[in-house]
């Protein structure tokens, strides 16, 4: 049986793949003028730089939340072991404020707060969390030492700076223990109405 003439032979799969590749994105790119290719390359470079910049800023912004948690933990750890000097170091400007020093000394004398063992943070609710600019508020901090009842205190926190240049966290004060169901900031009218509506639904 004679083979068909070369011109009549069906195209091989390899030839089809080659044509597909030539007519694909590479062919589209090669058809562009040099000027347009340079413009697209510049835009791509700018896009990559923007993504990297946003990633860096976001990582630094989110690290602030860990910074406050670490500062709060260090403060109550010093309190639990009765270390007045360490507490005064942790609270910004406390040494210059007689009322702040008196509050620290009172907490150290409180038997509820003097606890041996590793301090564990149970919950931390900060009204300044994820603030894009400076803010001041009272963080509700619940902590304990394993095997003992929890303690709730309020930490005065100040954040300065902004999300572009960086945010700095300062601790300004630490309250005496409050009730386990207690709050550190007054609820807004909207929060009260929402809580009442939820109670009615239940």
C-alpha atoms as a PDB file:
ATOM      1  CA  UNK A   1       0.000   0.000   0.000  1.00  0.00           C
ATOM      2  CA  UNK A   2       1.559   3.282  -1.089  1.00  0.00           C
ATOM      3  CA  UNK A   3       1.792   6.132   1.415  1.00  0.00           C
ATOM      4  CA  UNK A   4      -0.052   9.364   0.592  1.00  0.00           C
ATOM      5  CA  UNK A   5       1.885  12.236  -0.868  1.00  0.00           C
ATOM      6  CA  UNK A   6       3.734  14.363   1.674  1.00  0.00           C
ATOM      7  CA  UNK A   7       1.457  17.319   1.090  1.00  0.00           C
ATOM      8  CA  UNK A   8      -1.645  15.196   1.843  1.00  0.00           C
ATOM      9  CA  UNK A   9      -0.380  13.658   5.072  1.00  0.00           C
ATOM     10  CA  UNK A  10      -2.279  14.688   8.232  1.00  0.00           C
ATOM     11  CA  UNK A  11      -0.389  16.951  10.640  1.00  0.00           C
ATOM     12  CA  UNK A  12       1.294  15.142  13.491  1.00  0.00           C
ATOM     13  CA  UNK A  13       0.397  15.917  17.161  1.00  0.00           C
ATOM     14  CA  UNK A  14       3.857  17.481  17.569  1.00  0.00           C
ATOM     15  CA  UNK A  15       3.106  19.914  14.773  1.00  0.00           C
ATOM     16  CA  UNK A  16      -0.207  20.844  16.409  1.00  0.00           C
ATOM     17  CA  UNK A  17       1.551  21.554  19.716  1.00  0.00           C
ATOM     18  CA  UNK A  18       4.082  23.717  17.911  1.00  0.00           C
ATOM     19  CA  UNK A  19       1.371  25.774  16.241  1.00  0.00           C
ATOM     20  CA  UNK A  20      -0.451  26.176  19.590  1.00  0.00           C
ATOM     21  CA  UNK A  21       2.705  27.434  21.249  1.00  0.00           C
ATOM     22  CA  UNK A  22       3.405  29.900  18.474  1.00  0.00           C
ATOM     23  CA  UNK A  23      -0.132  31.288  18.609  1.00  0.00           C
ATOM     24  CA  UNK A  24      -0.131  31.468  22.400  1.00  0.00           C
ATOM     25  CA  UNK A  25       0.977  34.200  24.846  1.00  0.00           C
ATOM     26  CA  UNK A  26       4.535  34.250  23.496  1.00  0.00           C
ATOM     27  CA  UNK A  27       3.316  35.031  19.994  1.00  0.00           C
ATOM     28  CA  UNK A  28       1.041  37.767  21.404  1.00  0.00           C
ATOM     29  CA  UNK A  29       3.988  39.256  23.267  1.00  0.00           C
ATOM     30  CA  UNK A  30       6.230  39.176  20.194  1.00  0.00           C
ATOM     31  CA  UNK A  31       3.576  40.927  18.115  1.00  0.00           C
ATOM     32  CA  UNK A  32       3.645  43.925  20.473  1.00  0.00           C
ATOM     33  CA  UNK A  33       5.747  46.895  19.556  1.00  0.00           C
ATOM     34  CA  UNK A  34       8.985  47.355  21.555  1.00  0.00           C
ATOM     35  CA  UNK A  35       7.556  50.504  23.142  1.00  0.00           C
ATOM     36  CA  UNK A  36       4.440  48.732  24.387  1.00  0.00           C
ATOM     37  CA  UNK A  37       6.516  45.845  25.748  1.00  0.00           C
ATOM     38  CA  UNK A  38       8.624  48.313  27.727  1.00  0.00           C
ATOM     39  CA  UNK A  39       5.475  49.948  29.145  1.00  0.00           C
ATOM     40  CA  UNK A  40       4.030  46.583  30.224  1.00  0.00           C
ATOM     41  CA  UNK A  41       7.334  45.546  31.798  1.00  0.00           C
ATOM     42  CA  UNK A  42       7.437  48.813  33.743  1.00  0.00           C
ATOM     43  CA  UNK A  43       3.858  48.344  34.955  1.00  0.00           C
ATOM     44  CA  UNK A  44       4.629  44.788  36.031  1.00  0.00           C
ATOM     45  CA  UNK A  45       7.678  45.981  37.957  1.00  0.00           C
ATOM     46  CA  UNK A  46       5.640  48.670  39.726  1.00  0.00           C
ATOM     47  CA  UNK A  47       2.961  46.095  40.603  1.00  0.00           C
ATOM     48  CA  UNK A  48       5.536  43.742  42.143  1.00  0.00           C
ATOM     49  CA  UNK A  49       7.034  46.584  44.205  1.00  0.00           C
ATOM     50  CA  UNK A  50       3.581  47.613  45.478  1.00  0.00           C
ATOM     51  CA  UNK A  51       2.801  44.048  46.549  1.00  0.00           C
ATOM     52  CA  UNK A  52       6.108  43.826  48.423  1.00  0.00           C
ATOM     53  CA  UNK A  53       5.542  47.204  50.082  1.00  0.00           C
ATOM     54  CA  UNK A  54       2.031  46.273  51.228  1.00  0.00           C
ATOM     55  CA  UNK A  55       3.311  42.953  52.584  1.00  0.00           C
ATOM     56  CA  UNK A  56       6.043  44.660  54.619  1.00  0.00           C
ATOM     57  CA  UNK A  57       3.678  47.307  56.029  1.00  0.00           C
ATOM     58  CA  UNK A  58       1.029  44.693  56.873  1.00  0.00           C
ATOM     59  CA  UNK A  59       3.548  42.448  58.644  1.00  0.00           C
ATOM     60  CA  UNK A  60       4.843  45.382  60.696  1.00  0.00           C
ATOM     61  CA  UNK A  61       1.300  46.512  61.493  1.00  0.00           C
ATOM     62  CA  UNK A  62       0.208  43.077  62.697  1.00  0.00           C
ATOM     63  CA  UNK A  63       3.356  42.697  64.809  1.00  0.00           C
ATOM     64  CA  UNK A  64       2.112  45.616  66.966  1.00  0.00           C
ATOM     65  CA  UNK A  65      -0.615  43.371  68.395  1.00  0.00           C
ATOM     66  CA  UNK A  66       2.033  40.903  69.539  1.00  0.00           C
ATOM     67  CA  UNK A  67       4.031  43.801  70.987  1.00  0.00           C
ATOM     68  CA  UNK A  68       1.122  44.856  73.226  1.00  0.00           C
ATOM     69  CA  UNK A  69       0.460  41.291  74.318  1.00  0.00           C
ATOM     70  CA  UNK A  70       4.132  40.798  75.188  1.00  0.00           C
ATOM     71  CA  UNK A  71       4.216  44.078  77.137  1.00  0.00           C
ATOM     72  CA  UNK A  72       1.042  43.207  79.073  1.00  0.00           C
ATOM     73  CA  UNK A  73       2.388  39.756  79.873  1.00  0.00           C
ATOM     74  CA  UNK A  74       5.717  41.134  81.125  1.00  0.00           C
ATOM     75  CA  UNK A  75       3.837  43.589  83.360  1.00  0.00           C
ATOM     76  CA  UNK A  76       1.622  41.013  85.073  1.00  0.00           C
ATOM     77  CA  UNK A  77       4.567  38.610  85.381  1.00  0.00           C
ATOM     78  CA  UNK A  78       6.462  41.271  87.332  1.00  0.00           C
ATOM     79  CA  UNK A  79       3.341  41.883  89.423  1.00  0.00           C
ATOM     80  CA  UNK A  80       2.888  38.182  90.197  1.00  0.00           C
ATOM     81  CA  UNK A  81       6.434  37.889  91.532  1.00  0.00           C
ATOM     82  CA  UNK A  82       6.169  41.172  93.464  1.00  0.00           C
ATOM     83  CA  UNK A  83       8.812  43.026  91.437  1.00  0.00           C
ATOM     84  CA  UNK A  84       7.950  46.706  91.928  1.00  0.00           C
ATOM     85  CA  UNK A  85      11.033  47.979  90.077  1.00  0.00           C
ATOM     86  CA  UNK A  86      10.226  45.918  86.963  1.00  0.00           C
ATOM     87  CA  UNK A  87       6.627  47.136  86.994  1.00  0.00           C
ATOM     88  CA  UNK A  88       7.752  50.762  87.204  1.00  0.00           C
ATOM     89  CA  UNK A  89      10.041  50.138  84.244  1.00  0.00           C
ATOM     90  CA  UNK A  90       7.176  48.661  82.217  1.00  0.00           C
ATOM     91  CA  UNK A  91       4.730  51.534  82.879  1.00  0.00           C
ATOM     92  CA  UNK A  92       5.747  54.684  80.996  1.00  0.00           C
ATOM     93  CA  UNK A  93       6.188  57.708  83.280  1.00  0.00           C
ATOM     94  CA  UNK A  94       5.078  55.814  86.364  1.00  0.00           C
ATOM     95  CA  UNK A  95       8.116  56.686  88.489  1.00  0.00           C
ATOM     96  CA  UNK A  96       7.290  60.394  88.155  1.00  0.00           C
ATOM     97  CA  UNK A  97       3.660  59.902  89.258  1.00  0.00           C
ATOM     98  CA  UNK A  98       3.067  59.321  92.997  1.00  0.00           C
ATOM     99  CA  UNK A  99      -0.421  57.932  92.335  1.00  0.00           C
ATOM    100  CA  UNK A 100       0.938  55.449  89.781  1.00  0.00           C
ATOM    101  CA  UNK A 101       3.694  54.301  92.142  1.00  0.00           C
ATOM    102  CA  UNK A 102       1.144  53.921  94.956  1.00  0.00           C
ATOM    103  CA  UNK A 103      -1.089  51.824  92.680  1.00  0.00           C
ATOM    104  CA  UNK A 104       1.795  49.529  91.741  1.00  0.00           C
ATOM    105  CA  UNK A 105       2.780  49.074  95.392  1.00  0.00           C
ATOM    106  CA  UNK A 106      -0.834  48.335  96.342  1.00  0.00           C
ATOM    107  CA  UNK A 107      -1.070  45.655  93.641  1.00  0.00           C
ATOM    108  CA  UNK A 108       2.144  44.032  94.829  1.00  0.00           C
ATOM    109  CA  UNK A 109       0.770  43.880  98.377  1.00  0.00           C
ATOM    110  CA  UNK A 110      -2.472  42.273  97.150  1.00  0.00           C
ATOM    111  CA  UNK A 111      -2.336  38.556  97.966  1.00  0.00           C
ATOM    112  CA  UNK A 112      -4.622  37.769  94.995  1.00  0.00           C
ATOM    113  CA  UNK A 113      -1.947  39.023  92.640  1.00  0.00           C
ATOM    114  CA  UNK A 114       1.163  37.476  94.182  1.00  0.00           C
ATOM    115  CA  UNK A 115       1.382  34.053  92.557  1.00  0.00           C
ATOM    116  CA  UNK A 116       4.275  31.684  91.949  1.00  0.00           C
ATOM    117  CA  UNK A 117       4.351  29.903  88.605  1.00  0.00           C
ATOM    118  CA  UNK A 118       3.976  30.691  84.929  1.00  0.00           C
ATOM    119  CA  UNK A 119       1.499  33.446  84.083  1.00  0.00           C
ATOM    120  CA  UNK A 120      -0.981  32.646  81.306  1.00  0.00           C
ATOM    121  CA  UNK A 121      -3.067  35.250  79.479  1.00  0.00           C
ATOM    122  CA  UNK A 122      -6.660  34.032  79.163  1.00  0.00           C
ATOM    123  CA  UNK A 123      -8.049  36.935  77.134  1.00  0.00           C
ATOM    124  CA  UNK A 124      -6.977  40.363  75.972  1.00  0.00           C
ATOM    125  CA  UNK A 125      -9.503  42.869  74.661  1.00  0.00           C
ATOM    126  CA  UNK A 126      -7.911  46.104  73.489  1.00  0.00           C
ATOM    127  CA  UNK A 127     -10.020  49.043  72.221  1.00  0.00           C
ATOM    128  CA  UNK A 128      -6.943  50.325  70.380  1.00  0.00           C
ATOM    129  CA  UNK A 129      -6.289  47.048  68.562  1.00  0.00           C
ATOM    130  CA  UNK A 130      -5.554  47.426  64.833  1.00  0.00           C
ATOM    131  CA  UNK A 131      -5.755  51.218  65.064  1.00  0.00           C
ATOM    132  CA  UNK A 132      -4.187  52.770  61.957  1.00  0.00           C
ATOM    133  CA  UNK A 133      -3.167  55.888  63.883  1.00  0.00           C
ATOM    134  CA  UNK A 134      -2.462  56.867  67.474  1.00  0.00           C
ATOM    135  CA  UNK A 135      -5.036  55.915  70.094  1.00  0.00           C
ATOM    136  CA  UNK A 136      -5.411  55.558  73.859  1.00  0.00           C
ATOM    137  CA  UNK A 137      -7.657  53.136  75.709  1.00  0.00           C
ATOM    138  CA  UNK A 138      -8.040  50.552  78.449  1.00  0.00           C
ATOM    139  CA  UNK A 139      -7.230  46.963  77.616  1.00  0.00           C
ATOM    140  CA  UNK A 140      -9.183  44.316  79.531  1.00  0.00           C
ATOM    141  CA  UNK A 141      -6.667  41.651  80.530  1.00  0.00           C
ATOM    142  CA  UNK A 142      -7.639  38.307  82.074  1.00  0.00           C
ATOM    143  CA  UNK A 143      -4.773  36.161  83.324  1.00  0.00           C
ATOM    144  CA  UNK A 144      -4.026  33.351  85.717  1.00  0.00           C
ATOM    145  CA  UNK A 145      -1.462  30.883  86.957  1.00  0.00           C
ATOM    146  CA  UNK A 146      -2.431  27.284  86.266  1.00  0.00           C
ATOM    147  CA  UNK A 147      -4.379  25.863  89.203  1.00  0.00           C
ATOM    148  CA  UNK A 148      -5.542  29.254  90.508  1.00  0.00           C
ATOM    149  CA  UNK A 149      -8.573  31.461  89.894  1.00  0.00           C
ATOM    150  CA  UNK A 150      -8.383  34.005  87.057  1.00  0.00           C
ATOM    151  CA  UNK A 151      -7.703  37.691  87.611  1.00  0.00           C
ATOM    152  CA  UNK A 152      -9.046  40.551  85.485  1.00  0.00           C
ATOM    153  CA  UNK A 153      -7.300  43.933  85.350  1.00  0.00           C
ATOM    154  CA  UNK A 154      -7.347  47.000  83.126  1.00  0.00           C
ATOM    155  CA  UNK A 155      -4.195  48.214  81.407  1.00  0.00           C
ATOM    156  CA  UNK A 156      -4.001  51.801  80.144  1.00  0.00           C
ATOM    157  CA  UNK A 157      -2.449  51.636  76.668  1.00  0.00           C
ATOM    158  CA  UNK A 158      -1.300  54.375  74.319  1.00  0.00           C
ATOM    159  CA  UNK A 159      -0.420  53.819  70.671  1.00  0.00           C
ATOM    160  CA  UNK A 160       1.463  56.506  68.784  1.00  0.00           C
ATOM    161  CA  UNK A 161       2.490  56.826  65.137  1.00  0.00           C
ATOM    162  CA  UNK A 162       0.715  55.409  62.115  1.00  0.00           C
ATOM    163  CA  UNK A 163       0.686  52.292  59.966  1.00  0.00           C
ATOM    164  CA  UNK A 164       3.143  53.794  57.467  1.00  0.00           C
ATOM    165  CA  UNK A 165       5.894  55.045  59.787  1.00  0.00           C
ATOM    166  CA  UNK A 166       5.226  52.433  62.464  1.00  0.00           C
ATOM    167  CA  UNK A 167       3.144  52.246  65.639  1.00  0.00           C
ATOM    168  CA  UNK A 168       4.634  52.275  69.128  1.00  0.00           C
ATOM    169  CA  UNK A 169       2.872  50.795  72.163  1.00  0.00           C
ATOM    170  CA  UNK A 170       3.234  52.265  75.657  1.00  0.00           C
ATOM    171  CA  UNK A 171       1.662  51.035  78.891  1.00  0.00           C
ATOM    172  CA  UNK A 172       0.457  53.928  81.078  1.00  0.00           C
ATOM    173  CA  UNK A 173      -1.097  52.182  84.063  1.00  0.00           C
ATOM    174  CA  UNK A 174      -2.462  48.998  85.634  1.00  0.00           C
ATOM    175  CA  UNK A 175      -5.631  48.838  87.694  1.00  0.00           C
ATOM    176  CA  UNK A 176      -6.408  46.847  90.798  1.00  0.00           C
ATOM    177  CA  UNK A 177      -8.313  43.591  90.135  1.00  0.00           C
ATOM    178  CA  UNK A 178     -11.890  44.036  88.951  1.00  0.00           C
ATOM    179  CA  UNK A 179     -14.799  41.602  88.896  1.00  0.00           C
ATOM    180  CA  UNK A 180     -14.385  38.702  86.475  1.00  0.00           C
ATOM    181  CA  UNK A 181     -17.404  39.993  84.526  1.00  0.00           C
ATOM    182  CA  UNK A 182     -16.274  43.601  84.859  1.00  0.00           C
ATOM    183  CA  UNK A 183     -15.468  45.877  81.945  1.00  0.00           C
ATOM    184  CA  UNK A 184     -12.719  48.465  81.554  1.00  0.00           C
ATOM    185  CA  UNK A 185     -14.488  50.928  79.279  1.00  0.00           C
ATOM    186  CA  UNK A 186     -18.033  52.212  79.287  1.00  0.00           C
ATOM    187  CA  UNK A 187     -20.187  50.565  76.682  1.00  0.00           C
ATOM    188  CA  UNK A 188     -21.606  52.743  73.941  1.00  0.00           C
ATOM    189  CA  UNK A 189     -25.345  53.145  73.529  1.00  0.00           C
ATOM    190  CA  UNK A 190     -25.203  50.993  70.376  1.00  0.00           C
ATOM    191  CA  UNK A 191     -23.463  48.187  72.288  1.00  0.00           C
ATOM    192  CA  UNK A 192     -26.058  48.332  75.087  1.00  0.00           C
ATOM    193  CA  UNK A 193     -28.949  48.223  72.601  1.00  0.00           C
ATOM    194  CA  UNK A 194     -27.347  45.315  70.750  1.00  0.00           C
ATOM    195  CA  UNK A 195     -26.892  43.391  74.012  1.00  0.00           C
ATOM    196  CA  UNK A 196     -30.540  44.038  75.012  1.00  0.00           C
ATOM    197  CA  UNK A 197     -31.777  42.918  71.579  1.00  0.00           C
ATOM    198  CA  UNK A 198     -29.737  39.710  71.845  1.00  0.00           C
ATOM    199  CA  UNK A 199     -31.165  39.031  75.325  1.00  0.00           C
ATOM    200  CA  UNK A 200     -34.752  39.461  74.005  1.00  0.00           C
ATOM    201  CA  UNK A 201     -34.100  37.052  71.125  1.00  0.00           C
ATOM    202  CA  UNK A 202     -32.906  34.412  73.579  1.00  0.00           C
END
